Amino acid sequence: MLATRISRAWIPFANSPNHVVQKQKLFQDRFNHHVPVHLIPPRSRVYYTTYLIFFTAGLTGSLYTAFELVVGKQTTAD
């Protein structure tokens, strides 16, 4: 009975259309127009922009903290 559950679970995947040719044409067309490979897939600009925002925020925070540690706090001479 377990085998029938597994085979039934794969039926939607087995009956789905094959979009490899359309995706291959999309990638080749964008690659021929000198689009960077990491920006070719759909929604990649959203992911890449989000990554850059978090990377910039993390780098800025790290540099600010390092600067504060190097410069230190100003003390008043009594």
PDB file of N, CA and C in Angstrom:
ATOM      1  N   MET A   1       0.821  -1.198   0.000  1.00  0.00           N
ATOM      2  CA  MET A   1       0.000   0.000   0.000  1.00  0.00           C
ATOM      3  C   MET A   1       0.864   1.261   0.000  1.00  0.00           C
ATOM      4  N   LEU A   2       2.026   1.195   0.599  1.00  0.00           N
ATOM      5  CA  LEU A   2       2.912   2.346   0.631  1.00  0.00           C
ATOM      6  C   LEU A   2       3.378   2.712  -0.769  1.00  0.00           C
ATOM      7  N   ALA A   3       3.626   1.711  -1.600  1.00  0.00           N
ATOM      8  CA  ALA A   3       4.081   1.982  -2.959  1.00  0.00           C
ATOM      9  C   ALA A   3       3.026   2.718  -3.765  1.00  0.00           C
ATOM     10  N   THR A   4       1.753   2.435  -3.559  1.00  0.00           N
ATOM     11  CA  THR A   4       0.715   3.136  -4.304  1.00  0.00           C
ATOM     12  C   THR A   4       0.612   4.586  -3.851  1.00  0.00           C
ATOM     13  N   ARG A   5       0.859   4.860  -2.567  1.00  0.00           N
ATOM     14  CA  ARG A   5       0.835   6.246  -2.095  1.00  0.00           C
ATOM     15  C   ARG A   5       1.972   7.046  -2.717  1.00  0.00           C
ATOM     16  N   ILE A   6       3.126   6.447  -2.803  1.00  0.00           N
ATOM     17  CA  ILE A   6       4.265   7.149  -3.389  1.00  0.00           C
ATOM     18  C   ILE A   6       4.031   7.390  -4.876  1.00  0.00           C
ATOM     19  N   SER A   7       3.534   6.395  -5.574  1.00  0.00           N
ATOM     20  CA  SER A   7       3.322   6.566  -7.011  1.00  0.00           C
ATOM     21  C   SER A   7       2.224   7.596  -7.283  1.00  0.00           C
ATOM     22  N   ARG A   8       1.204   7.635  -6.437  1.00  0.00           N
ATOM     23  CA  ARG A   8       0.146   8.636  -6.622  1.00  0.00           C
ATOM     24  C   ARG A   8       0.668  10.039  -6.322  1.00  0.00           C
ATOM     25  N   ALA A   9       1.615  10.132  -5.422  1.00  0.00           N
ATOM     26  CA  ALA A   9       2.169  11.437  -5.083  1.00  0.00           C
ATOM     27  C   ALA A   9       2.950  12.022  -6.251  1.00  0.00           C
ATOM     28  N   TRP A  10       3.500  11.181  -7.118  1.00  0.00           N
ATOM     29  CA  TRP A  10       4.324  11.661  -8.238  1.00  0.00           C
ATOM     30  C   TRP A  10       3.504  11.910  -9.497  1.00  0.00           C
ATOM     31  N   ILE A  11       2.222  11.634  -9.487  1.00  0.00           N
ATOM     32  CA  ILE A  11       1.403  11.807 -10.689  1.00  0.00           C
ATOM     33  C   ILE A  11       1.383  13.258 -11.177  1.00  0.00           C
ATOM     34  N   PRO A  12       1.240  14.269 -10.317  1.00  0.00           N
ATOM     35  CA  PRO A  12       1.267  15.643 -10.841  1.00  0.00           C
ATOM     36  C   PRO A  12       2.592  16.001 -11.498  1.00  0.00           C
ATOM     37  N   PHE A  13       3.683  15.455 -10.990  1.00  0.00           N
ATOM     38  CA  PHE A  13       4.976  15.739 -11.593  1.00  0.00           C
ATOM     39  C   PHE A  13       5.157  15.005 -12.916  1.00  0.00           C
ATOM     40  N   ALA A  14       4.601  13.814 -13.007  1.00  0.00           N
ATOM     41  CA  ALA A  14       4.734  13.030 -14.229  1.00  0.00           C
ATOM     42  C   ALA A  14       3.893  13.610 -15.358  1.00  0.00           C
ATOM     43  N   ASN A  15       2.787  14.245 -15.030  1.00  0.00           N
ATOM     44  CA  ASN A  15       1.902  14.784 -16.056  1.00  0.00           C
ATOM     45  C   ASN A  15       2.144  16.260 -16.338  1.00  0.00           C
ATOM     46  N   SER A  16       3.145  16.851 -15.721  1.00  0.00           N
ATOM     47  CA  SER A  16       3.385  18.279 -15.939  1.00  0.00           C
ATOM     48  C   SER A  16       4.113  18.495 -17.270  1.00  0.00           C
ATOM     49  N   PRO A  17       3.885  19.648 -17.906  1.00  0.00           N
ATOM     50  CA  PRO A  17       4.533  19.905 -19.192  1.00  0.00           C
ATOM     51  C   PRO A  17       6.028  20.171 -19.017  1.00  0.00           C
ATOM     52  N   ASN A  18       6.784  19.901 -20.071  1.00  0.00           N
ATOM     53  CA  ASN A  18       8.229  20.091 -20.051  1.00  0.00           C
ATOM     54  C   ASN A  18       8.550  21.472 -20.630  1.00  0.00           C
ATOM     55  N   HIS A  19       9.121  22.355 -19.801  1.00  0.00           N
ATOM     56  CA  HIS A  19       9.427  23.722 -20.217  1.00  0.00           C
ATOM     57  C   HIS A  19      10.918  23.949 -20.425  1.00  0.00           C
ATOM     58  N   VAL A  20      11.671  22.881 -20.598  1.00  0.00           N
ATOM     59  CA  VAL A  20      13.119  23.017 -20.711  1.00  0.00           C
ATOM     60  C   VAL A  20      13.508  23.810 -21.951  1.00  0.00           C
ATOM     61  N   VAL A  21      12.860  23.559 -23.057  1.00  0.00           N
ATOM     62  CA  VAL A  21      13.227  24.233 -24.306  1.00  0.00           C
ATOM     63  C   VAL A  21      12.968  25.736 -24.207  1.00  0.00           C
ATOM     64  N   GLN A  22      11.829  26.138 -23.642  1.00  0.00           N
ATOM     65  CA  GLN A  22      11.534  27.560 -23.495  1.00  0.00           C
ATOM     66  C   GLN A  22      12.538  28.233 -22.556  1.00  0.00           C
ATOM     67  N   LYS A  23      12.880  27.574 -21.450  1.00  0.00           N
ATOM     68  CA  LYS A  23      13.835  28.154 -20.515  1.00  0.00           C
ATOM     69  C   LYS A  23      15.232  28.227 -21.121  1.00  0.00           C
ATOM     70  N   GLN A  24      15.593  27.226 -21.904  1.00  0.00           N
ATOM     71  CA  GLN A  24      16.897  27.245 -22.554  1.00  0.00           C
ATOM     72  C   GLN A  24      16.977  28.395 -23.556  1.00  0.00           C
ATOM     73  N   LYS A  25      15.921  28.625 -24.302  1.00  0.00           N
ATOM     74  CA  LYS A  25      15.903  29.744 -25.252  1.00  0.00           C
ATOM     75  C   LYS A  25      15.986  31.078 -24.516  1.00  0.00           C
ATOM     76  N   LEU A  26      15.288  31.203 -23.389  1.00  0.00           N
ATOM     77  CA  LEU A  26      15.331  32.416 -22.588  1.00  0.00           C
ATOM     78  C   LEU A  26      16.753  32.685 -22.094  1.00  0.00           C
ATOM     79  N   PHE A  27      17.396  31.659 -21.539  1.00  0.00           N
ATOM     80  CA  PHE A  27      18.756  31.834 -21.029  1.00  0.00           C
ATOM     81  C   PHE A  27      19.720  32.186 -22.151  1.00  0.00           C
ATOM     82  N   GLN A  28      19.621  31.486 -23.274  1.00  0.00           N
ATOM     83  CA  GLN A  28      20.542  31.753 -24.376  1.00  0.00           C
ATOM     84  C   GLN A  28      20.338  33.146 -24.952  1.00  0.00           C
ATOM     85  N   ASP A  29      19.075  33.584 -25.057  1.00  0.00           N
ATOM     86  CA  ASP A  29      18.806  34.910 -25.606  1.00  0.00           C
ATOM     87  C   ASP A  29      19.354  35.999 -24.682  1.00  0.00           C
ATOM     88  N   ARG A  30      19.104  35.870 -23.385  1.00  0.00           N
ATOM     89  CA  ARG A  30      19.605  36.887 -22.451  1.00  0.00           C
ATOM     90  C   ARG A  30      21.129  36.844 -22.352  1.00  0.00           C
ATOM     91  N   PHE A  31      21.716  35.643 -22.439  1.00  0.00           N
ATOM     92  CA  PHE A  31      23.166  35.533 -22.383  1.00  0.00           C
ATOM     93  C   PHE A  31      23.793  36.184 -23.608  1.00  0.00           C
ATOM     94  N   ASN A  32      23.157  36.049 -24.762  1.00  0.00           N
ATOM     95  CA  ASN A  32      23.671  36.668 -25.990  1.00  0.00           C
ATOM     96  C   ASN A  32      23.562  38.182 -25.955  1.00  0.00           C
ATOM     97  N   HIS A  33      22.698  38.712 -25.095  1.00  0.00           N
ATOM     98  CA  HIS A  33      22.575  40.165 -24.942  1.00  0.00           C
ATOM     99  C   HIS A  33      23.417  40.665 -23.764  1.00  0.00           C
ATOM    100  N   HIS A  34      24.395  39.852 -23.352  1.00  0.00           N
ATOM    101  CA  HIS A  34      25.385  40.214 -22.332  1.00  0.00           C
ATOM    102  C   HIS A  34      24.762  40.532 -20.976  1.00  0.00           C
ATOM    103  N   VAL A  35      23.713  39.812 -20.626  1.00  0.00           N
ATOM    104  CA  VAL A  35      23.142  39.924 -19.282  1.00  0.00           C
ATOM    105  C   VAL A  35      23.954  38.989 -18.390  1.00  0.00           C
ATOM    106  N   PRO A  36      24.391  39.439 -17.210  1.00  0.00           N
ATOM    107  CA  PRO A  36      25.143  38.544 -16.323  1.00  0.00           C
ATOM    108  C   PRO A  36      24.346  37.289 -15.989  1.00  0.00           C
ATOM    109  N   VAL A  37      25.050  36.185 -15.847  1.00  0.00           N
ATOM    110  CA  VAL A  37      24.394  34.892 -15.645  1.00  0.00           C
ATOM    111  C   VAL A  37      23.540  34.881 -14.382  1.00  0.00           C
ATOM    112  N   HIS A  38      23.988  35.562 -13.318  1.00  0.00           N
ATOM    113  CA  HIS A  38      23.224  35.537 -12.074  1.00  0.00           C
ATOM    114  C   HIS A  38      21.970  36.412 -12.139  1.00  0.00           C
ATOM    115  N   LEU A  39      21.774  37.158 -13.215  1.00  0.00           N
ATOM    116  CA  LEU A  39      20.562  37.971 -13.360  1.00  0.00           C
ATOM    117  C   LEU A  39      19.615  37.429 -14.427  1.00  0.00           C
ATOM    118  N   ILE A  40      19.900  36.272 -14.983  1.00  0.00           N
ATOM    119  CA  ILE A  40      19.074  35.738 -16.066  1.00  0.00           C
ATOM    120  C   ILE A  40      17.757  35.132 -15.571  1.00  0.00           C
ATOM    121  N   PRO A  41      17.741  34.295 -14.521  1.00  0.00           N
ATOM    122  CA  PRO A  41      16.476  33.648 -14.137  1.00  0.00           C
ATOM    123  C   PRO A  41      15.414  34.660 -13.698  1.00  0.00           C
ATOM    124  N   PRO A  42      14.141  34.268 -13.774  1.00  0.00           N
ATOM    125  CA  PRO A  42      13.074  35.157 -13.317  1.00  0.00           C
ATOM    126  C   PRO A  42      13.217  35.474 -11.830  1.00  0.00           C
ATOM    127  N   ARG A  43      12.849  36.664 -11.435  1.00  0.00           N
ATOM    128  CA  ARG A  43      12.900  37.161 -10.059  1.00  0.00           C
ATOM    129  C   ARG A  43      14.309  37.256  -9.501  1.00  0.00           C
ATOM    130  N   SER A  44      15.328  37.081 -10.343  1.00  0.00           N
ATOM    131  CA  SER A  44      16.693  37.126  -9.834  1.00  0.00           C
ATOM    132  C   SER A  44      17.083  38.539  -9.416  1.00  0.00           C
ATOM    133  N   ARG A  45      16.532  39.546 -10.075  1.00  0.00           N
ATOM    134  CA  ARG A  45      16.852  40.923  -9.684  1.00  0.00           C
ATOM    135  C   ARG A  45      16.318  41.240  -8.291  1.00  0.00           C
ATOM    136  N   VAL A  46      15.176  40.672  -7.939  1.00  0.00           N
ATOM    137  CA  VAL A  46      14.619  40.882  -6.601  1.00  0.00           C
ATOM    138  C   VAL A  46      15.534  40.244  -5.557  1.00  0.00           C
ATOM    139  N   TYR A  47      15.954  39.006  -5.803  1.00  0.00           N
ATOM    140  CA  TYR A  47      16.846  38.310  -4.873  1.00  0.00           C
ATOM    141  C   TYR A  47      18.191  39.018  -4.779  1.00  0.00           C
ATOM    142  N   TYR A  48      18.728  39.425  -5.913  1.00  0.00           N
ATOM    143  CA  TYR A  48      20.042  40.066  -5.941  1.00  0.00           C
ATOM    144  C   TYR A  48      20.000  41.426  -5.237  1.00  0.00           C
ATOM    145  N   THR A  49      18.943  42.194  -5.466  1.00  0.00           N
ATOM    146  CA  THR A  49      18.813  43.494  -4.808  1.00  0.00           C
ATOM    147  C   THR A  49      18.671  43.328  -3.296  1.00  0.00           C
ATOM    148  N   THR A  50      17.885  42.352  -2.863  1.00  0.00           N
ATOM    149  CA  THR A  50      17.736  42.082  -1.440  1.00  0.00           C
ATOM    150  C   THR A  50      19.071  41.682  -0.828  1.00  0.00           C
ATOM    151  N   TYR A  51      19.807  40.829  -1.525  1.00  0.00           N
ATOM    152  CA  TYR A  51      21.134  40.423  -1.048  1.00  0.00           C
ATOM    153  C   TYR A  51      22.055  41.633  -0.917  1.00  0.00           C
ATOM    154  N   LEU A  52      22.065  42.499  -1.914  1.00  0.00           N
ATOM    155  CA  LEU A  52      22.941  43.671  -1.871  1.00  0.00           C
ATOM    156  C   LEU A  52      22.567  44.614  -0.723  1.00  0.00           C
ATOM    157  N   ILE A  53      21.280  44.762  -0.451  1.00  0.00           N
ATOM    158  CA  ILE A  53      20.848  45.624   0.650  1.00  0.00           C
ATOM    159  C   ILE A  53      21.368  45.080   1.984  1.00  0.00           C
ATOM    160  N   PHE A  54      21.174  43.782   2.223  1.00  0.00           N
ATOM    161  CA  PHE A  54      21.639  43.188   3.480  1.00  0.00           C
ATOM    162  C   PHE A  54      23.164  43.173   3.561  1.00  0.00           C
ATOM    163  N   PHE A  55      23.831  42.912   2.440  1.00  0.00           N
ATOM    164  CA  PHE A  55      25.296  42.910   2.427  1.00  0.00           C
ATOM    165  C   PHE A  55      25.829  44.296   2.751  1.00  0.00           C
ATOM    166  N   THR A  56      25.248  45.326   2.143  1.00  0.00           N
ATOM    167  CA  THR A  56      25.690  46.694   2.397  1.00  0.00           C
ATOM    168  C   THR A  56      25.426  47.099   3.841  1.00  0.00           C
ATOM    169  N   ALA A  57      24.271  46.736   4.371  1.00  0.00           N
ATOM    170  CA  ALA A  57      23.965  47.062   5.764  1.00  0.00           C
ATOM    171  C   ALA A  57      24.935  46.360   6.715  1.00  0.00           C
ATOM    172  N   GLY A  58      25.240  45.108   6.461  1.00  0.00           N
ATOM    173  CA  GLY A  58      26.175  44.374   7.305  1.00  0.00           C
ATOM    174  C   GLY A  58      27.581  44.926   7.221  1.00  0.00           C
ATOM    175  N   LEU A  59      28.026  45.255   6.020  1.00  0.00           N
ATOM    176  CA  LEU A  59      29.366  45.813   5.844  1.00  0.00           C
ATOM    177  C   LEU A  59      29.470  47.185   6.496  1.00  0.00           C
ATOM    178  N   THR A  60      28.445  48.004   6.332  1.00  0.00           N
ATOM    179  CA  THR A  60      28.453  49.327   6.944  1.00  0.00           C
ATOM    180  C   THR A  60      28.481  49.226   8.467  1.00  0.00           C
ATOM    181  N   GLY A  61      27.681  48.336   9.023  1.00  0.00           N
ATOM    182  CA  GLY A  61      27.674  48.138  10.475  1.00  0.00           C
ATOM    183  C   GLY A  61      29.010  47.640  10.989  1.00  0.00           C
ATOM    184  N   SER A  62      29.626  46.725  10.262  1.00  0.00           N
ATOM    185  CA  SER A  62      30.928  46.209  10.684  1.00  0.00           C
ATOM    186  C   SER A  62      31.995  47.289  10.624  1.00  0.00           C
ATOM    187  N   LEU A  63      32.010  48.061   9.561  1.00  0.00           N
ATOM    188  CA  LEU A  63      33.002  49.129   9.442  1.00  0.00           C
ATOM    189  C   LEU A  63      32.792  50.216  10.498  1.00  0.00           C
ATOM    190  N   TYR A  64      31.554  50.547  10.776  1.00  0.00           N
ATOM    191  CA  TYR A  64      31.261  51.549  11.806  1.00  0.00           C
ATOM    192  C   TYR A  64      31.733  51.059  13.174  1.00  0.00           C
ATOM    193  N   THR A  65      31.452  49.795  13.471  1.00  0.00           N
ATOM    194  CA  THR A  65      31.868  49.241  14.757  1.00  0.00           C
ATOM    195  C   THR A  65      33.390  49.195  14.866  1.00  0.00           C
ATOM    196  N   ALA A  66      34.066  48.799  13.785  1.00  0.00           N
ATOM    197  CA  ALA A  66      35.530  48.777  13.799  1.00  0.00           C
ATOM    198  C   ALA A  66      36.087  50.186  13.992  1.00  0.00           C
ATOM    199  N   PHE A  67      35.496  51.154  13.336  1.00  0.00           N
ATOM    200  CA  PHE A  67      35.942  52.544  13.491  1.00  0.00           C
ATOM    201  C   PHE A  67      35.765  53.007  14.926  1.00  0.00           C
ATOM    202  N   GLU A  68      34.627  52.696  15.520  1.00  0.00           N
ATOM    203  CA  GLU A  68      34.380  53.088  16.903  1.00  0.00           C
ATOM    204  C   GLU A  68      35.366  52.415  17.864  1.00  0.00           C
ATOM    205  N   LEU A  69      35.731  51.181  17.583  1.00  0.00           N
ATOM    206  CA  LEU A  69      36.690  50.496  18.441  1.00  0.00           C
ATOM    207  C   LEU A  69      38.094  51.081  18.300  1.00  0.00           C
ATOM    208  N   VAL A  70      38.462  51.488  17.095  1.00  0.00           N
ATOM    209  CA  VAL A  70      39.790  52.047  16.870  1.00  0.00           C
ATOM    210  C   VAL A  70      39.896  53.443  17.458  1.00  0.00           C
ATOM    211  N   VAL A  71      38.916  54.266  17.202  1.00  0.00           N
ATOM    212  CA  VAL A  71      38.964  55.668  17.665  1.00  0.00           C
ATOM    213  C   VAL A  71      38.729  55.726  19.173  1.00  0.00           C
ATOM    214  N   GLY A  72      37.813  54.965  19.667  1.00  0.00           N
ATOM    215  CA  GLY A  72      37.533  54.958  21.084  1.00  0.00           C
ATOM    216  C   GLY A  72      36.657  56.124  21.498  1.00  0.00           C
ATOM    217  N   LYS A  73      36.354  56.170  22.796  1.00  0.00           N
ATOM    218  CA  LYS A  73      35.526  57.255  23.332  1.00  0.00           C
ATOM    219  C   LYS A  73      36.430  58.380  23.811  1.00  0.00           C
ATOM    220  N   GLN A  74      35.956  59.579  23.620  1.00  0.00           N
ATOM    221  CA  GLN A  74      36.717  60.745  24.102  1.00  0.00           C
ATOM    222  C   GLN A  74      36.471  60.889  25.599  1.00  0.00           C
ATOM    223  N   THR A  75      37.542  61.087  26.319  1.00  0.00           N
ATOM    224  CA  THR A  75      37.420  61.301  27.765  1.00  0.00           C
ATOM    225  C   THR A  75      37.770  62.741  28.083  1.00  0.00           C
ATOM    226  N   THR A  76      37.177  63.242  29.126  1.00  0.00           N
ATOM    227  CA  THR A  76      37.471  64.623  29.530  1.00  0.00           C
ATOM    228  C   THR A  76      38.595  64.577  30.565  1.00  0.00           C
ATOM    229  N   ALA A  77      39.549  65.461  30.398  1.00  0.00           N
ATOM    230  CA  ALA A  77      40.657  65.540  31.352  1.00  0.00           C
ATOM    231  C   ALA A  77      40.195  66.346  32.554  1.00  0.00           C
ATOM    232  N   ASP A  78      40.312  65.759  33.702  1.00  0.00           N
ATOM    233  CA  ASP A  78      39.893  66.464  34.925  1.00  0.00           C
ATOM    234  C   ASP A  78      41.006  67.278  35.512  1.00  0.00           C
TER     235      ASP A  78
END
